[in-house]
């Protein structure tokens, strides 16, 4: 029996793929987005999905209302995470924590009034999105740019080296 929230994806030309809409939690601020993916994803399942910011990790919260059709604004669930993904996510999180700590320390050292809450990162490690509480001053903008550039160069070079060595 097909789940009532399941729909057919007509974007594939030669075959129809069964798709289900889900609510997925994304990012450090726990934003909830409607997303489309393969049927059978359970609550709490981590997934890789395409967002406006790139490829990110999310968590399935629940199926969407089965009576509402998929919308153009729905995000695309690419696949559930794998063990290899979990290892990469762990490394990315370590680098993210280091970037957050470096940014907070530098903001404090330079006397900036900006408060860094947290950071979101893309799954490929190519993007950091910093969330601040209140206004961001010129000092914070400069520090943020330096920290992000350093983080992205470290993650990209290590990620690329791993891809070359592991295939």
Foldseek 3Di string as FASTA:
>chain_A
DDDLQWDWDPPDPPDTAIKGWFWKFFDPVRDTFIAIDHPDQDFQFWFWWQAPVGIAIITTHGTDDSVDDDDPRHIYTPGTDDPVLVVLVVVLVVLQVVLVVQLVVQCVVVVHPKAWDGWGAHSQQQDIDTDIDDDGDPSSVVSNVVSNVVSNVVSNVVSVVCVVVVD
